[in-house]
Amino acid sequence: MIPIMICDDDTLWTQKLAREIECFQIASDWEVSLTHISQKPEEFLQYVRQERPKMGIYLLDIDLKSEISGMELGREIRRLDSSAQLIFITSHDELVFPTLSMGFSVCNFIVKGRQDWKKQLHQTFQIVESYYHDWNQPKTPSLTLKYGNHRETLPKDDIYFITSVKNTHRIQLHLKSGYRDVPLSLTELKNQLGEDFVLCRRDCLVNQSHIQHMDCLKRQLLLDNQVKINCSVRGWKALKL
């Protein structure tokens, strides 16, 4: 459940916002909930510090008629909730640029006097919904190959092993989909690939997740594509046995 919180000193306006949030909930299958409304930024901050919401959506009036402005409130919220989505409410267009100049990310601005503020609010929620959906999708670890004007991204799990081509500045990637011969070196890729890939000998990086069997006497690996790879003494020690 994604929490939505409002801080605005205008009670009538907070009621309008609450109604539109309810309309959005009905129209969307996204799980959001209006969890808190405050007229005073001090009370609002107390709530945030106590509840410590994560990935919350915060609707903040810029001019709160208090010693704490909406901009200052937003900066403190960002410190407490690094993934916060900040939506600023204002009656004055001229406050938009000073807010942006404070240097923290803002999702959008809603201007109270505009006739299309409801549409703008719903569109902003849709943008945030899409962001959270993408953020929650599992990320497939990948390797990006860059050489010349070429750029290609490969899932790491598709790589069985990589060998350097003798006396050249080229490597061969042995993949589930076949082979790639590219003008790069093993050294350039080793740090990108991470600890799952081990230099089993000077000219070969192997993906340990594809090792099916390890022959200790021969220092030989059998991969799940049935390819056998010989290891050096140092490379064998580097493997996670």
C-alpha atoms as a PDB file:
ATOM      1  CA  MET A   1       0.000   0.000   0.000  1.00  0.00           C
ATOM      2  CA  ILE A   2       1.428   3.382  -1.063  1.00  0.00           C
ATOM      3  CA  PRO A   3       0.681   6.128   1.507  1.00  0.00           C
ATOM      4  CA  ILE A   4      -0.505   9.552   0.362  1.00  0.00           C
ATOM      5  CA  MET A   5      -0.107  12.489   2.761  1.00  0.00           C
ATOM      6  CA  ILE A   6      -1.271  16.102   2.543  1.00  0.00           C
ATOM      7  CA  CYS A   7       0.061  19.203   4.261  1.00  0.00           C
ATOM      8  CA  ASP A   8      -1.934  22.332   3.451  1.00  0.00           C
ATOM      9  CA  ASP A   9      -3.240  25.094   5.714  1.00  0.00           C
ATOM     10  CA  ASP A  10      -6.392  25.502   3.569  1.00  0.00           C
ATOM     11  CA  THR A  11      -9.004  23.093   4.989  1.00  0.00           C
ATOM     12  CA  LEU A  12     -11.359  23.484   2.017  1.00  0.00           C
ATOM     13  CA  TRP A  13      -8.554  22.684  -0.402  1.00  0.00           C
ATOM     14  CA  THR A  14      -7.487  19.570   1.535  1.00  0.00           C
ATOM     15  CA  GLN A  15     -11.077  18.348   1.331  1.00  0.00           C
ATOM     16  CA  LYS A  16     -10.989  18.795  -2.458  1.00  0.00           C
ATOM     17  CA  LEU A  17      -7.707  16.910  -2.671  1.00  0.00           C
ATOM     18  CA  ALA A  18      -9.058  14.098  -0.500  1.00  0.00           C
ATOM     19  CA  ARG A  19     -12.090  13.702  -2.792  1.00  0.00           C
ATOM     20  CA  GLU A  20      -9.891  13.528  -5.894  1.00  0.00           C
ATOM     21  CA  ILE A  21      -7.620  10.980  -4.277  1.00  0.00           C
ATOM     22  CA  GLU A  22     -10.689   8.865  -3.539  1.00  0.00           C
ATOM     23  CA  CYS A  23     -11.779   9.210  -7.185  1.00  0.00           C
ATOM     24  CA  PHE A  24      -8.340   8.086  -8.312  1.00  0.00           C
ATOM     25  CA  GLN A  25      -8.485   5.064  -6.017  1.00  0.00           C
ATOM     26  CA  ILE A  26     -11.819   4.021  -7.516  1.00  0.00           C
ATOM     27  CA  ALA A  27     -10.624   4.483 -11.104  1.00  0.00           C
ATOM     28  CA  SER A  28      -7.295   2.723 -10.601  1.00  0.00           C
ATOM     29  CA  ASP A  29      -6.395  -0.745  -9.351  1.00  0.00           C
ATOM     30  CA  TRP A  30      -3.264   0.734  -7.787  1.00  0.00           C
ATOM     31  CA  GLU A  31      -3.181   0.296  -4.009  1.00  0.00           C
ATOM     32  CA  VAL A  32      -2.876   3.774  -2.517  1.00  0.00           C
ATOM     33  CA  SER A  33      -4.317   5.166   0.694  1.00  0.00           C
ATOM     34  CA  LEU A  34      -4.693   8.669   2.103  1.00  0.00           C
ATOM     35  CA  THR A  35      -3.034   8.144   5.468  1.00  0.00           C
ATOM     36  CA  HIS A  36      -2.556  11.639   6.904  1.00  0.00           C
ATOM     37  CA  ILE A  37      -3.652  15.263   6.565  1.00  0.00           C
ATOM     38  CA  SER A  38      -2.109  18.169   8.477  1.00  0.00           C
ATOM     39  CA  GLN A  39      -2.632  21.918   8.327  1.00  0.00           C
ATOM     40  CA  LYS A  40       0.615  22.584  10.204  1.00  0.00           C
ATOM     41  CA  PRO A  41       4.046  21.493   8.923  1.00  0.00           C
ATOM     42  CA  GLU A  42       5.280  20.851  12.472  1.00  0.00           C
ATOM     43  CA  GLU A  43       2.523  18.263  13.005  1.00  0.00           C
ATOM     44  CA  PHE A  44       3.149  16.802   9.577  1.00  0.00           C
ATOM     45  CA  LEU A  45       6.858  16.341  10.275  1.00  0.00           C
ATOM     46  CA  GLN A  46       6.083  14.768  13.627  1.00  0.00           C
ATOM     47  CA  TYR A  47       3.868  12.231  11.848  1.00  0.00           C
ATOM     48  CA  VAL A  48       6.503  11.430   9.212  1.00  0.00           C
ATOM     49  CA  ARG A  49       9.269  11.042  11.803  1.00  0.00           C
ATOM     50  CA  GLN A  50       7.090   8.765  13.889  1.00  0.00           C
ATOM     51  CA  GLU A  51       5.618   6.600  11.105  1.00  0.00           C
ATOM     52  CA  ARG A  52       8.637   6.631   8.762  1.00  0.00           C
ATOM     53  CA  PRO A  53       6.626   5.946   5.568  1.00  0.00           C
ATOM     54  CA  LYS A  54       8.558   4.560   2.616  1.00  0.00           C
ATOM     55  CA  MET A  55       7.994   5.510  -1.019  1.00  0.00           C
ATOM     56  CA  GLY A  56       5.227   7.873   0.027  1.00  0.00           C
ATOM     57  CA  ILE A  57       3.421  10.472  -2.066  1.00  0.00           C
ATOM     58  CA  TYR A  58       3.455  13.897  -0.421  1.00  0.00           C
ATOM     59  CA  LEU A  59       1.160  16.766  -1.459  1.00  0.00           C
ATOM     60  CA  LEU A  60       2.648  19.906   0.074  1.00  0.00           C
ATOM     61  CA  ASP A  61       1.459  23.489  -0.043  1.00  0.00           C
ATOM     62  CA  ILE A  62       4.444  25.746  -0.706  1.00  0.00           C
ATOM     63  CA  ASP A  63       3.126  28.678   1.352  1.00  0.00           C
ATOM     64  CA  LEU A  64       2.057  27.154   4.689  1.00  0.00           C
ATOM     65  CA  LYS A  65       1.979  30.472   6.555  1.00  0.00           C
ATOM     66  CA  SER A  66       4.412  29.034   9.065  1.00  0.00           C
ATOM     67  CA  GLU A  67       8.071  29.325   9.953  1.00  0.00           C
ATOM     68  CA  ILE A  68       8.527  26.098   7.977  1.00  0.00           C
ATOM     69  CA  SER A  69       7.763  26.559   4.289  1.00  0.00           C
ATOM     70  CA  GLY A  70       6.587  23.785   2.019  1.00  0.00           C
ATOM     71  CA  MET A  71      10.007  23.831   0.348  1.00  0.00           C
ATOM     72  CA  GLU A  72      11.794  23.295   3.664  1.00  0.00           C
ATOM     73  CA  LEU A  73       9.273  20.618   4.570  1.00  0.00           C
ATOM     74  CA  GLY A  74       9.966  18.855   1.280  1.00  0.00           C
ATOM     75  CA  ARG A  75      13.713  18.915   1.887  1.00  0.00           C
ATOM     76  CA  GLU A  76      13.278  17.264   5.315  1.00  0.00           C
ATOM     77  CA  ILE A  77      10.860  14.670   3.898  1.00  0.00           C
ATOM     78  CA  ARG A  78      13.392  13.800   1.227  1.00  0.00           C
ATOM     79  CA  ARG A  79      15.949  13.172   3.985  1.00  0.00           C
ATOM     80  CA  LEU A  80      13.535  10.881   5.856  1.00  0.00           C
ATOM     81  CA  ASP A  81      12.091   9.122   2.807  1.00  0.00           C
ATOM     82  CA  SER A  82      14.636   9.041  -0.015  1.00  0.00           C
ATOM     83  CA  SER A  83      12.087   7.608  -2.491  1.00  0.00           C
ATOM     84  CA  ALA A  84       9.441  10.214  -1.675  1.00  0.00           C
ATOM     85  CA  GLN A  85       7.353  11.590  -4.535  1.00  0.00           C
ATOM     86  CA  LEU A  86       6.903  15.304  -3.798  1.00  0.00           C
ATOM     87  CA  ILE A  87       3.963  17.117  -5.376  1.00  0.00           C
ATOM     88  CA  PHE A  88       3.858  20.811  -4.516  1.00  0.00           C
ATOM     89  CA  ILE A  89       0.619  22.781  -4.327  1.00  0.00           C
ATOM     90  CA  THR A  90       0.675  26.526  -4.921  1.00  0.00           C
ATOM     91  CA  SER A  91      -1.587  29.455  -5.659  1.00  0.00           C
ATOM     92  CA  HIS A  92       1.322  31.382  -7.163  1.00  0.00           C
ATOM     93  CA  ASP A  93       3.169  30.327 -10.313  1.00  0.00           C
ATOM     94  CA  GLU A  94       6.137  32.469  -9.326  1.00  0.00           C
ATOM     95  CA  LEU A  95       6.980  30.071  -6.451  1.00  0.00           C
ATOM     96  CA  VAL A  96       7.689  27.185  -8.832  1.00  0.00           C
ATOM     97  CA  PHE A  97      11.185  28.257  -9.866  1.00  0.00           C
ATOM     98  CA  PRO A  98      12.449  29.069  -6.340  1.00  0.00           C
ATOM     99  CA  THR A  99      11.316  25.578  -5.303  1.00  0.00           C
ATOM    100  CA  LEU A 100      13.164  23.937  -8.176  1.00  0.00           C
ATOM    101  CA  SER A 101      16.287  25.935  -7.339  1.00  0.00           C
ATOM    102  CA  MET A 102      16.491  24.244  -3.922  1.00  0.00           C
ATOM    103  CA  GLY A 103      18.032  21.240  -5.661  1.00  0.00           C
ATOM    104  CA  PHE A 104      15.834  18.285  -4.701  1.00  0.00           C
ATOM    105  CA  SER A 105      13.694  16.249  -7.085  1.00  0.00           C
ATOM    106  CA  VAL A 106      10.066  17.323  -7.468  1.00  0.00           C
ATOM    107  CA  CYS A 107       7.449  15.151  -9.148  1.00  0.00           C
ATOM    108  CA  ASN A 108       5.116  17.993 -10.195  1.00  0.00           C
ATOM    109  CA  PHE A 109       3.424  21.265  -9.274  1.00  0.00           C
ATOM    110  CA  ILE A 110      -0.347  21.699  -8.971  1.00  0.00           C
ATOM    111  CA  VAL A 111      -1.624  25.277  -9.311  1.00  0.00           C
ATOM    112  CA  LYS A 112      -4.802  25.822  -7.290  1.00  0.00           C
ATOM    113  CA  GLY A 113      -6.311  28.429  -9.588  1.00  0.00           C
ATOM    114  CA  ARG A 114      -6.117  26.365 -12.754  1.00  0.00           C
ATOM    115  CA  GLN A 115      -9.342  24.877 -14.098  1.00  0.00           C
ATOM    116  CA  ASP A 116      -7.594  21.639 -15.066  1.00  0.00           C
ATOM    117  CA  TRP A 117      -5.974  20.979 -11.670  1.00  0.00           C
ATOM    118  CA  LYS A 118      -7.967  17.741 -11.204  1.00  0.00           C
ATOM    119  CA  LYS A 119      -6.795  16.396 -14.538  1.00  0.00           C
ATOM    120  CA  GLN A 120      -3.243  17.448 -13.728  1.00  0.00           C
ATOM    121  CA  LEU A 121      -3.392  15.688 -10.357  1.00  0.00           C
ATOM    122  CA  HIS A 122      -4.696  12.445 -11.881  1.00  0.00           C
ATOM    123  CA  GLN A 123      -2.013  12.543 -14.591  1.00  0.00           C
ATOM    124  CA  THR A 124       0.648  13.049 -11.921  1.00  0.00           C
ATOM    125  CA  PHE A 125      -0.635  10.048  -9.973  1.00  0.00           C
ATOM    126  CA  GLN A 126      -0.516   7.975 -13.174  1.00  0.00           C
ATOM    127  CA  ILE A 127       3.116   8.986 -13.721  1.00  0.00           C
ATOM    128  CA  VAL A 128       3.994   8.033 -10.137  1.00  0.00           C
ATOM    129  CA  GLU A 129       2.107   4.740 -10.515  1.00  0.00           C
ATOM    130  CA  SER A 130       4.127   3.905 -13.636  1.00  0.00           C
ATOM    131  CA  TYR A 131       7.369   4.816 -11.843  1.00  0.00           C
ATOM    132  CA  TYR A 132       6.617   2.554  -8.869  1.00  0.00           C
ATOM    133  CA  HIS A 133       5.539  -0.273 -11.171  1.00  0.00           C
ATOM    134  CA  ASP A 134       8.833  -0.100 -13.079  1.00  0.00           C
ATOM    135  CA  TRP A 135      10.805   0.275  -9.838  1.00  0.00           C
ATOM    136  CA  ASN A 136       9.270  -2.902  -8.383  1.00  0.00           C
ATOM    137  CA  GLN A 137       9.932  -5.027 -11.439  1.00  0.00           C
ATOM    138  CA  PRO A 138      12.785  -7.493 -10.922  1.00  0.00           C
ATOM    139  CA  LYS A 139      15.886  -6.260 -12.681  1.00  0.00           C
ATOM    140  CA  THR A 140      17.753  -8.744 -14.871  1.00  0.00           C
ATOM    141  CA  PRO A 141      21.522  -8.403 -14.326  1.00  0.00           C
ATOM    142  CA  SER A 142      23.077  -7.501 -17.645  1.00  0.00           C
ATOM    143  CA  LEU A 143      26.349  -6.724 -19.396  1.00  0.00           C
ATOM    144  CA  THR A 144      26.602  -3.777 -21.776  1.00  0.00           C
ATOM    145  CA  LEU A 145      29.115  -4.145 -24.589  1.00  0.00           C
ATOM    146  CA  LYS A 146      30.378  -0.826 -25.956  1.00  0.00           C
ATOM    147  CA  TYR A 147      32.901  -0.561 -28.774  1.00  0.00           C
ATOM    148  CA  GLY A 148      33.087   2.019 -31.548  1.00  0.00           C
ATOM    149  CA  ASN A 149      29.535   3.176 -32.266  1.00  0.00           C
ATOM    150  CA  HIS A 150      28.105  -0.164 -31.232  1.00  0.00           C
ATOM    151  CA  ARG A 151      26.223  -0.763 -27.982  1.00  0.00           C
ATOM    152  CA  GLU A 152      24.591  -4.042 -26.967  1.00  0.00           C
ATOM    153  CA  THR A 153      23.128  -5.290 -23.700  1.00  0.00           C
ATOM    154  CA  LEU A 154      23.187  -9.004 -22.862  1.00  0.00           C
ATOM    155  CA  PRO A 155      21.621 -10.759 -19.845  1.00  0.00           C
ATOM    156  CA  LYS A 156      24.483 -12.111 -17.721  1.00  0.00           C
ATOM    157  CA  ASP A 157      22.688 -15.419 -17.332  1.00  0.00           C
ATOM    158  CA  ASP A 158      22.930 -15.914 -21.125  1.00  0.00           C
ATOM    159  CA  ILE A 159      26.743 -15.978 -20.927  1.00  0.00           C
ATOM    160  CA  TYR A 160      28.408 -19.366 -20.370  1.00  0.00           C
ATOM    161  CA  PHE A 161      32.011 -18.178 -20.581  1.00  0.00           C
ATOM    162  CA  ILE A 162      34.227 -15.641 -22.338  1.00  0.00           C
ATOM    163  CA  THR A 163      37.624 -16.323 -23.887  1.00  0.00           C
ATOM    164  CA  SER A 164      40.257 -13.974 -25.234  1.00  0.00           C
ATOM    165  CA  VAL A 165      41.489 -14.502 -28.789  1.00  0.00           C
ATOM    166  CA  LYS A 166      45.249 -15.120 -28.757  1.00  0.00           C
ATOM    167  CA  ASN A 167      47.472 -12.249 -29.942  1.00  0.00           C
ATOM    168  CA  THR A 168      44.488  -9.935 -30.552  1.00  0.00           C
ATOM    169  CA  HIS A 169      42.494  -7.363 -28.603  1.00  0.00           C
ATOM    170  CA  ARG A 170      39.336  -9.413 -29.083  1.00  0.00           C
ATOM    171  CA  ILE A 171      37.161 -11.737 -27.058  1.00  0.00           C
ATOM    172  CA  GLN A 172      34.612 -14.432 -27.809  1.00  0.00           C
ATOM    173  CA  LEU A 173      31.440 -14.602 -25.757  1.00  0.00           C
ATOM    174  CA  HIS A 174      29.887 -18.081 -25.611  1.00  0.00           C
ATOM    175  CA  LEU A 175      26.163 -17.510 -25.187  1.00  0.00           C
ATOM    176  CA  LYS A 176      22.933 -19.454 -25.070  1.00  0.00           C
ATOM    177  CA  SER A 177      22.112 -17.811 -28.384  1.00  0.00           C
ATOM    178  CA  GLY A 178      25.498 -18.538 -30.018  1.00  0.00           C
ATOM    179  CA  TYR A 179      28.715 -16.537 -30.146  1.00  0.00           C
ATOM    180  CA  ARG A 180      29.866 -12.938 -30.189  1.00  0.00           C
ATOM    181  CA  ASP A 181      33.335 -11.886 -31.342  1.00  0.00           C
ATOM    182  CA  VAL A 182      33.997  -8.314 -30.212  1.00  0.00           C
ATOM    183  CA  PRO A 183      37.011  -5.958 -29.999  1.00  0.00           C
ATOM    184  CA  LEU A 184      37.335  -5.863 -26.197  1.00  0.00           C
ATOM    185  CA  SER A 185      39.516  -7.476 -23.531  1.00  0.00           C
ATOM    186  CA  LEU A 186      38.718  -9.724 -20.583  1.00  0.00           C
ATOM    187  CA  THR A 187      40.119  -7.091 -18.237  1.00  0.00           C
ATOM    188  CA  GLU A 188      37.570  -4.542 -19.509  1.00  0.00           C
ATOM    189  CA  LEU A 189      34.679  -6.900 -18.758  1.00  0.00           C
ATOM    190  CA  LYS A 190      35.792  -8.561 -15.532  1.00  0.00           C
ATOM    191  CA  ASN A 191      34.783  -5.698 -13.217  1.00  0.00           C
ATOM    192  CA  GLN A 192      31.443  -5.240 -14.986  1.00  0.00           C
ATOM    193  CA  LEU A 193      30.515  -8.910 -14.680  1.00  0.00           C
ATOM    194  CA  GLY A 194      30.928  -9.178 -10.910  1.00  0.00           C
ATOM    195  CA  GLU A 195      31.845 -12.037  -8.600  1.00  0.00           C
ATOM    196  CA  ASP A 196      29.740 -14.687 -10.385  1.00  0.00           C
ATOM    197  CA  PHE A 197      32.334 -14.662 -13.171  1.00  0.00           C
ATOM    198  CA  VAL A 198      35.762 -16.059 -12.301  1.00  0.00           C
ATOM    199  CA  LEU A 199      39.010 -16.008 -14.256  1.00  0.00           C
ATOM    200  CA  CYS A 200      39.464 -19.772 -14.266  1.00  0.00           C
ATOM    201  CA  ARG A 201      42.595 -19.355 -16.373  1.00  0.00           C
ATOM    202  CA  ARG A 202      44.356 -16.356 -17.834  1.00  0.00           C
ATOM    203  CA  ASP A 203      42.334 -16.368 -21.058  1.00  0.00           C
ATOM    204  CA  CYS A 204      38.896 -17.472 -19.789  1.00  0.00           C
ATOM    205  CA  LEU A 205      36.142 -15.978 -17.609  1.00  0.00           C
ATOM    206  CA  VAL A 206      33.529 -18.544 -16.606  1.00  0.00           C
ATOM    207  CA  ASN A 207      30.018 -17.951 -15.303  1.00  0.00           C
ATOM    208  CA  GLN A 208      29.890 -20.038 -12.122  1.00  0.00           C
ATOM    209  CA  SER A 209      26.097 -20.262 -12.244  1.00  0.00           C
ATOM    210  CA  HIS A 210      26.424 -22.542 -15.291  1.00  0.00           C
ATOM    211  CA  ILE A 211      28.868 -25.003 -13.719  1.00  0.00           C
ATOM    212  CA  GLN A 212      27.273 -28.458 -13.585  1.00  0.00           C
ATOM    213  CA  HIS A 213      30.192 -30.519 -12.342  1.00  0.00           C
ATOM    214  CA  MET A 214      33.762 -29.932 -11.114  1.00  0.00           C
ATOM    215  CA  ASP A 215      36.469 -32.545 -11.636  1.00  0.00           C
ATOM    216  CA  CYS A 216      39.058 -31.845  -8.922  1.00  0.00           C
ATOM    217  CA  LEU A 217      41.632 -34.344 -10.281  1.00  0.00           C
ATOM    218  CA  LYS A 218      41.644 -32.858 -13.779  1.00  0.00           C
ATOM    219  CA  ARG A 219      40.850 -29.292 -12.617  1.00  0.00           C
ATOM    220  CA  GLN A 220      38.090 -29.331 -15.206  1.00  0.00           C
ATOM    221  CA  LEU A 221      34.632 -27.772 -15.262  1.00  0.00           C
ATOM    222  CA  LEU A 222      31.586 -29.220 -16.972  1.00  0.00           C
ATOM    223  CA  LEU A 223      29.041 -26.537 -17.849  1.00  0.00           C
ATOM    224  CA  ASP A 224      25.339 -27.146 -18.297  1.00  0.00           C
ATOM    225  CA  ASN A 225      25.762 -26.761 -22.064  1.00  0.00           C
ATOM    226  CA  GLN A 226      28.105 -29.796 -21.817  1.00  0.00           C
ATOM    227  CA  VAL A 227      31.252 -27.798 -22.635  1.00  0.00           C
ATOM    228  CA  LYS A 228      34.366 -28.720 -20.636  1.00  0.00           C
ATOM    229  CA  ILE A 229      36.766 -26.008 -19.480  1.00  0.00           C
ATOM    230  CA  ASN A 230      40.243 -26.564 -18.072  1.00  0.00           C
ATOM    231  CA  CYS A 231      41.377 -24.398 -15.162  1.00  0.00           C
ATOM    232  CA  SER A 232      44.757 -23.185 -13.953  1.00  0.00           C
ATOM    233  CA  VAL A 233      45.858 -23.820 -10.356  1.00  0.00           C
ATOM    234  CA  ARG A 234      45.214 -20.202  -9.408  1.00  0.00           C
ATOM    235  CA  GLY A 235      41.875 -20.161 -11.279  1.00  0.00           C
ATOM    236  CA  TRP A 236      40.729 -23.345  -9.520  1.00  0.00           C
ATOM    237  CA  LYS A 237      41.422 -21.768  -6.125  1.00  0.00           C
ATOM    238  CA  ALA A 238      39.400 -18.703  -7.125  1.00  0.00           C
ATOM    239  CA  LEU A 239      36.273 -20.755  -7.803  1.00  0.00           C
ATOM    240  CA  LYS A 240      33.586 -20.983  -5.112  1.00  0.00           C
ATOM    241  CA  LEU A 241      33.937 -24.680  -4.354  1.00  0.00           C
END
